[in-house]
């Protein structure tokens, strides 16, 4: 969630993610992964020490279309 630090004063991590999903905001990683067919599952706190994401991440799921 590298764009989260810019929005953290006004939005919780969940609100930020929802705005990105809805298309109201763009995040350089989440927006790309959504376009690649990933589905957000949950927010993970303290995933990495990262100032841009304030240590938050989004767990994303990819369903393999070639395997049922």
PDB file of N, CA and C in Angstrom:
ATOM      1  N   UNK A   1       0.829  -1.183   0.000  1.00  0.00           N
ATOM      2  CA  UNK A   1       0.000   0.000   0.000  1.00  0.00           C
ATOM      3  C   UNK A   1       0.876   1.250   0.000  1.00  0.00           C
ATOM      4  N   UNK A   2       1.788   1.373  -0.969  1.00  0.00           N
ATOM      5  CA  UNK A   2       2.740   2.473  -0.909  1.00  0.00           C
ATOM      6  C   UNK A   2       2.123   3.876  -0.976  1.00  0.00           C
ATOM      7  N   UNK A   3       0.913   3.998  -1.430  1.00  0.00           N
ATOM      8  CA  UNK A   3       0.292   5.320  -1.464  1.00  0.00           C
ATOM      9  C   UNK A   3      -0.413   5.692  -0.179  1.00  0.00           C
ATOM     10  N   UNK A   4      -0.497   4.769   0.758  1.00  0.00           N
ATOM     11  CA  UNK A   4      -1.293   5.012   1.965  1.00  0.00           C
ATOM     12  C   UNK A   4      -0.765   6.157   2.822  1.00  0.00           C
ATOM     13  N   UNK A   5       0.517   6.321   2.933  1.00  0.00           N
ATOM     14  CA  UNK A   5       1.054   7.370   3.817  1.00  0.00           C
ATOM     15  C   UNK A   5       0.564   8.762   3.434  1.00  0.00           C
ATOM     16  N   UNK A   6       0.272   8.964   2.162  1.00  0.00           N
ATOM     17  CA  UNK A   6      -0.222  10.278   1.712  1.00  0.00           C
ATOM     18  C   UNK A   6      -1.674  10.519   2.117  1.00  0.00           C
ATOM     19  N   UNK A   7      -2.411   9.458   2.406  1.00  0.00           N
ATOM     20  CA  UNK A   7      -3.832   9.578   2.726  1.00  0.00           C
ATOM     21  C   UNK A   7      -4.143   9.243   4.179  1.00  0.00           C
ATOM     22  N   UNK A   8      -3.139   8.831   4.949  1.00  0.00           N
ATOM     23  CA  UNK A   8      -3.352   8.309   6.294  1.00  0.00           C
ATOM     24  C   UNK A   8      -3.982   9.305   7.266  1.00  0.00           C
ATOM     25  N   UNK A   9      -3.776  10.597   7.055  1.00  0.00           N
ATOM     26  CA  UNK A   9      -4.358  11.583   7.969  1.00  0.00           C
ATOM     27  C   UNK A   9      -5.875  11.607   7.864  1.00  0.00           C
ATOM     28  N   UNK A  10      -6.405  11.239   6.699  1.00  0.00           N
ATOM     29  CA  UNK A  10      -7.845  11.327   6.471  1.00  0.00           C
ATOM     30  C   UNK A  10      -8.559   9.982   6.383  1.00  0.00           C
ATOM     31  N   UNK A  11      -7.809   8.899   6.163  1.00  0.00           N
ATOM     32  CA  UNK A  11      -8.437   7.603   5.919  1.00  0.00           C
ATOM     33  C   UNK A  11      -7.770   6.495   6.729  1.00  0.00           C
ATOM     34  N   UNK A  12      -8.574   5.573   7.194  1.00  0.00           N
ATOM     35  CA  UNK A  12      -8.014   4.363   7.803  1.00  0.00           C
ATOM     36  C   UNK A  12      -7.485   3.483   6.664  1.00  0.00           C
ATOM     37  N   UNK A  13      -6.684   2.475   6.971  1.00  0.00           N
ATOM     38  CA  UNK A  13      -6.210   1.589   5.902  1.00  0.00           C
ATOM     39  C   UNK A  13      -7.364   0.940   5.124  1.00  0.00           C
ATOM     40  N   UNK A  14      -8.423   0.536   5.820  1.00  0.00           N
ATOM     41  CA  UNK A  14      -9.564  -0.079   5.156  1.00  0.00           C
ATOM     42  C   UNK A  14     -10.296   0.916   4.251  1.00  0.00           C
ATOM     43  N   UNK A  15     -10.462   2.148   4.721  1.00  0.00           N
ATOM     44  CA  UNK A  15     -11.102   3.185   3.894  1.00  0.00           C
ATOM     45  C   UNK A  15     -10.262   3.479   2.658  1.00  0.00           C
ATOM     46  N   UNK A  16      -8.951   3.533   2.841  1.00  0.00           N
ATOM     47  CA  UNK A  16      -8.049   3.765   1.706  1.00  0.00           C
ATOM     48  C   UNK A  16      -8.188   2.651   0.677  1.00  0.00           C
ATOM     49  N   UNK A  17      -8.147   1.415   1.139  1.00  0.00           N
ATOM     50  CA  UNK A  17      -8.286   0.284   0.229  1.00  0.00           C
ATOM     51  C   UNK A  17      -9.609   0.344  -0.513  1.00  0.00           C
ATOM     52  N   UNK A  18     -10.691   0.664   0.184  1.00  0.00           N
ATOM     53  CA  UNK A  18     -11.997   0.724  -0.464  1.00  0.00           C
ATOM     54  C   UNK A  18     -12.038   1.805  -1.541  1.00  0.00           C
ATOM     55  N   UNK A  19     -11.421   2.951  -1.276  1.00  0.00           N
ATOM     56  CA  UNK A  19     -11.374   4.012  -2.290  1.00  0.00           C
ATOM     57  C   UNK A  19     -10.569   3.577  -3.511  1.00  0.00           C
ATOM     58  N   UNK A  20      -9.502   2.837  -3.286  1.00  0.00           N
ATOM     59  CA  UNK A  20      -8.709   2.330  -4.413  1.00  0.00           C
ATOM     60  C   UNK A  20      -9.532   1.315  -5.203  1.00  0.00           C
ATOM     61  N   UNK A  21     -10.212   0.415  -4.515  1.00  0.00           N
ATOM     62  CA  UNK A  21     -11.053  -0.577  -5.189  1.00  0.00           C
ATOM     63  C   UNK A  21     -12.147   0.099  -6.005  1.00  0.00           C
ATOM     64  N   UNK A  22     -12.765   1.132  -5.434  1.00  0.00           N
ATOM     65  CA  UNK A  22     -13.861   1.847  -6.105  1.00  0.00           C
ATOM     66  C   UNK A  22     -13.383   2.745  -7.243  1.00  0.00           C
ATOM     67  N   UNK A  23     -12.072   2.967  -7.329  1.00  0.00           N
ATOM     68  CA  UNK A  23     -11.523   3.814  -8.382  1.00  0.00           C
ATOM     69  C   UNK A  23     -11.408   5.280  -8.017  1.00  0.00           C
ATOM     70  N   UNK A  24     -11.718   5.629  -6.769  1.00  0.00           N
ATOM     71  CA  UNK A  24     -11.624   7.019  -6.321  1.00  0.00           C
ATOM     72  C   UNK A  24     -10.203   7.461  -6.041  1.00  0.00           C
ATOM     73  N   UNK A  25      -9.316   6.505  -5.843  1.00  0.00           N
ATOM     74  CA  UNK A  25      -7.905   6.787  -5.603  1.00  0.00           C
ATOM     75  C   UNK A  25      -7.087   5.751  -6.360  1.00  0.00           C
ATOM     76  N   UNK A  26      -5.835   6.091  -6.608  1.00  0.00           N
ATOM     77  CA  UNK A  26      -4.931   5.143  -7.253  1.00  0.00           C
ATOM     78  C   UNK A  26      -3.761   4.867  -6.327  1.00  0.00           C
ATOM     79  N   UNK A  27      -3.427   3.609  -6.225  1.00  0.00           N
ATOM     80  CA  UNK A  27      -2.253   3.174  -5.484  1.00  0.00           C
ATOM     81  C   UNK A  27      -1.371   2.458  -6.501  1.00  0.00           C
ATOM     82  N   UNK A  28      -0.072   2.780  -6.545  1.00  0.00           N
ATOM     83  CA  UNK A  28       0.776   2.210  -7.597  1.00  0.00           C
ATOM     84  C   UNK A  28       0.834   0.687  -7.629  1.00  0.00           C
ATOM     85  N   UNK A  29       0.637   0.034  -6.504  1.00  0.00           N
ATOM     86  CA  UNK A  29       0.688  -1.428  -6.483  1.00  0.00           C
ATOM     87  C   UNK A  29      -0.715  -2.028  -6.518  1.00  0.00           C
ATOM     88  N   UNK A  30      -1.585  -1.583  -5.627  1.00  0.00           N
ATOM     89  CA  UNK A  30      -2.924  -2.177  -5.541  1.00  0.00           C
ATOM     90  C   UNK A  30      -3.694  -2.001  -6.840  1.00  0.00           C
ATOM     91  N   UNK A  31      -3.659  -0.825  -7.428  1.00  0.00           N
ATOM     92  CA  UNK A  31      -4.387  -0.577  -8.678  1.00  0.00           C
ATOM     93  C   UNK A  31      -3.896  -1.525  -9.768  1.00  0.00           C
ATOM     94  N   UNK A  32      -2.588  -1.703  -9.869  1.00  0.00           N
ATOM     95  CA  UNK A  32      -2.031  -2.613 -10.866  1.00  0.00           C
ATOM     96  C   UNK A  32      -2.507  -4.049 -10.627  1.00  0.00           C
ATOM     97  N   UNK A  33      -2.448  -4.498  -9.366  1.00  0.00           N
ATOM     98  CA  UNK A  33      -2.842  -5.871  -9.063  1.00  0.00           C
ATOM     99  C   UNK A  33      -4.329  -6.099  -9.301  1.00  0.00           C
ATOM    100  N   UNK A  34      -5.152  -5.099  -9.021  1.00  0.00           N
ATOM    101  CA  UNK A  34      -6.584  -5.222  -9.311  1.00  0.00           C
ATOM    102  C   UNK A  34      -6.815  -5.410 -10.812  1.00  0.00           C
ATOM    103  N   UNK A  35      -6.075  -4.660 -11.616  1.00  0.00           N
ATOM    104  CA  UNK A  35      -6.201  -4.785 -13.073  1.00  0.00           C
ATOM    105  C   UNK A  35      -5.716  -6.145 -13.570  1.00  0.00           C
ATOM    106  N   UNK A  36      -4.843  -6.788 -12.801  1.00  0.00           N
ATOM    107  CA  UNK A  36      -4.332  -8.121 -13.162  1.00  0.00           C
ATOM    108  C   UNK A  36      -5.238  -9.237 -12.657  1.00  0.00           C
ATOM    109  N   UNK A  37      -6.351  -8.889 -12.050  1.00  0.00           N
ATOM    110  CA  UNK A  37      -7.305  -9.893 -11.603  1.00  0.00           C
ATOM    111  C   UNK A  37      -7.178 -10.346 -10.167  1.00  0.00           C
ATOM    112  N   UNK A  38      -6.354  -9.662  -9.379  1.00  0.00           N
ATOM    113  CA  UNK A  38      -6.233 -10.024  -7.966  1.00  0.00           C
ATOM    114  C   UNK A  38      -7.458  -9.515  -7.202  1.00  0.00           C
ATOM    115  N   UNK A  39      -7.792 -10.199  -6.123  1.00  0.00           N
ATOM    116  CA  UNK A  39      -8.917  -9.826  -5.270  1.00  0.00           C
ATOM    117  C   UNK A  39      -8.400  -9.563  -3.861  1.00  0.00           C
ATOM    118  N   UNK A  40      -8.681  -8.387  -3.297  1.00  0.00           N
ATOM    119  CA  UNK A  40      -8.249  -8.110  -1.931  1.00  0.00           C
ATOM    120  C   UNK A  40      -8.966  -9.028  -0.943  1.00  0.00           C
ATOM    121  N   UNK A  41      -8.199  -9.560   0.009  1.00  0.00           N
ATOM    122  CA  UNK A  41      -8.756 -10.453   1.021  1.00  0.00           C
ATOM    123  C   UNK A  41      -8.788  -9.760   2.384  1.00  0.00           C
ATOM    124  N   UNK A  42      -7.668  -9.155   2.778  1.00  0.00           N
ATOM    125  CA  UNK A  42      -7.611  -8.460   4.064  1.00  0.00           C
ATOM    126  C   UNK A  42      -6.404  -7.529   4.100  1.00  0.00           C
ATOM    127  N   UNK A  43      -6.408  -6.681   5.106  1.00  0.00           N
ATOM    128  CA  UNK A  43      -5.279  -5.788   5.347  1.00  0.00           C
ATOM    129  C   UNK A  43      -4.397  -6.437   6.401  1.00  0.00           C
ATOM    130  N   UNK A  44      -3.090  -6.367   6.199  1.00  0.00           N
ATOM    131  CA  UNK A  44      -2.130  -6.969   7.115  1.00  0.00           C
ATOM    132  C   UNK A  44      -1.314  -5.844   7.743  1.00  0.00           C
ATOM    133  N   UNK A  45      -1.344  -5.763   9.076  1.00  0.00           N
ATOM    134  CA  UNK A  45      -0.553  -4.754   9.792  1.00  0.00           C
ATOM    135  C   UNK A  45       0.865  -5.263  10.011  1.00  0.00           C
ATOM    136  N   UNK A  46       1.807  -4.338  10.014  1.00  0.00           N
ATOM    137  CA  UNK A  46       3.216  -4.642  10.291  1.00  0.00           C
ATOM    138  C   UNK A  46       3.779  -5.728   9.385  1.00  0.00           C
ATOM    139  N   UNK A  47       3.382  -5.693   8.131  1.00  0.00           N
ATOM    140  CA  UNK A  47       3.867  -6.678   7.167  1.00  0.00           C
ATOM    141  C   UNK A  47       5.346  -6.445   6.860  1.00  0.00           C
ATOM    142  N   UNK A  48       5.703  -5.199   6.577  1.00  0.00           N
ATOM    143  CA  UNK A  48       7.085  -4.810   6.306  1.00  0.00           C
ATOM    144  C   UNK A  48       7.354  -3.478   6.982  1.00  0.00           C
ATOM    145  N   UNK A  49       8.602  -3.208   7.282  1.00  0.00           N
ATOM    146  CA  UNK A  49       8.961  -1.862   7.726  1.00  0.00           C
ATOM    147  C   UNK A  49       9.063  -1.000   6.487  1.00  0.00           C
ATOM    148  N   UNK A  50       8.042  -0.184   6.267  1.00  0.00           N
ATOM    149  CA  UNK A  50       7.958   0.601   5.046  1.00  0.00           C
ATOM    150  C   UNK A  50       7.234   1.906   5.337  1.00  0.00           C
ATOM    151  N   UNK A  51       7.932   3.015   5.181  1.00  0.00           N
ATOM    152  CA  UNK A  51       7.351   4.314   5.479  1.00  0.00           C
ATOM    153  C   UNK A  51       6.199   4.672   4.552  1.00  0.00           C
ATOM    154  N   UNK A  52       6.292   4.320   3.273  1.00  0.00           N
ATOM    155  CA  UNK A  52       5.253   4.700   2.315  1.00  0.00           C
ATOM    156  C   UNK A  52       3.915   4.037   2.611  1.00  0.00           C
ATOM    157  N   UNK A  53       3.957   2.830   3.135  1.00  0.00           N
ATOM    158  CA  UNK A  53       2.715   2.112   3.433  1.00  0.00           C
ATOM    159  C   UNK A  53       2.365   2.160   4.920  1.00  0.00           C
ATOM    160  N   UNK A  54       3.196   2.799   5.702  1.00  0.00           N
ATOM    161  CA  UNK A  54       3.057   2.818   7.161  1.00  0.00           C
ATOM    162  C   UNK A  54       2.960   1.396   7.713  1.00  0.00           C
ATOM    163  N   UNK A  55       3.691   0.501   7.090  1.00  0.00           N
ATOM    164  CA  UNK A  55       3.805  -0.911   7.473  1.00  0.00           C
ATOM    165  C   UNK A  55       2.557  -1.744   7.190  1.00  0.00           C
ATOM    166  N   UNK A  56       1.629  -1.225   6.411  1.00  0.00           N
ATOM    167  CA  UNK A  56       0.424  -1.978   6.046  1.00  0.00           C
ATOM    168  C   UNK A  56       0.610  -2.636   4.685  1.00  0.00           C
ATOM    169  N   UNK A  57      -0.102  -3.746   4.502  1.00  0.00           N
ATOM    170  CA  UNK A  57      -0.118  -4.436   3.213  1.00  0.00           C
ATOM    171  C   UNK A  57      -1.534  -4.957   2.981  1.00  0.00           C
ATOM    172  N   UNK A  58      -1.797  -5.350   1.752  1.00  0.00           N
ATOM    173  CA  UNK A  58      -3.071  -5.969   1.421  1.00  0.00           C
ATOM    174  C   UNK A  58      -2.791  -7.391   0.954  1.00  0.00           C
ATOM    175  N   UNK A  59      -3.419  -8.332   1.601  1.00  0.00           N
ATOM    176  CA  UNK A  59      -3.338  -9.718   1.162  1.00  0.00           C
ATOM    177  C   UNK A  59      -4.280  -9.859  -0.028  1.00  0.00           C
ATOM    178  N   UNK A  60      -3.723 -10.294  -1.159  1.00  0.00           N
ATOM    179  CA  UNK A  60      -4.513 -10.391  -2.392  1.00  0.00           C
ATOM    180  C   UNK A  60      -4.546 -11.848  -2.849  1.00  0.00           C
ATOM    181  N   UNK A  61      -5.661 -12.234  -3.419  1.00  0.00           N
ATOM    182  CA  UNK A  61      -5.841 -13.594  -3.922  1.00  0.00           C
ATOM    183  C   UNK A  61      -5.871 -13.581  -5.442  1.00  0.00           C
ATOM    184  N   UNK A  62      -5.249 -14.571  -6.034  1.00  0.00           N
ATOM    185  CA  UNK A  62      -5.311 -14.764  -7.482  1.00  0.00           C
ATOM    186  C   UNK A  62      -5.836 -16.153  -7.732  1.00  0.00           C
ATOM    187  N   UNK A  63      -6.944 -16.235  -8.426  1.00  0.00           N
ATOM    188  CA  UNK A  63      -7.520 -17.541  -8.779  1.00  0.00           C
ATOM    189  C   UNK A  63      -7.014 -17.920 -10.152  1.00  0.00           C
ATOM    190  N   UNK A  64      -6.336 -19.043 -10.221  1.00  0.00           N
ATOM    191  CA  UNK A  64      -5.768 -19.526 -11.471  1.00  0.00           C
ATOM    192  C   UNK A  64      -6.881 -19.945 -12.419  1.00  0.00           C
ATOM    193  N   UNK A  65      -7.022 -19.262 -13.547  1.00  0.00           N
ATOM    194  CA  UNK A  65      -8.105 -19.589 -14.467  1.00  0.00           C
ATOM    195  C   UNK A  65      -7.869 -20.911 -15.208  1.00  0.00           C
ATOM    196  N   UNK A  66      -6.676 -21.447 -15.119  1.00  0.00           N
ATOM    197  CA  UNK A  66      -6.344 -22.676 -15.818  1.00  0.00           C
ATOM    198  C   UNK A  66      -6.544 -23.919 -14.952  1.00  0.00           C
ATOM    199  N   UNK A  67      -6.847 -23.712 -13.679  1.00  0.00           N
ATOM    200  CA  UNK A  67      -7.031 -24.835 -12.777  1.00  0.00           C
ATOM    201  C   UNK A  67      -8.358 -24.678 -12.043  1.00  0.00           C
ATOM    202  N   UNK A  68      -9.128 -25.728 -12.028  1.00  0.00           N
ATOM    203  CA  UNK A  68     -10.436 -25.643 -11.364  1.00  0.00           C
ATOM    204  C   UNK A  68     -10.465 -26.419 -10.089  1.00  0.00           C
TER     205      UNK A  68
END
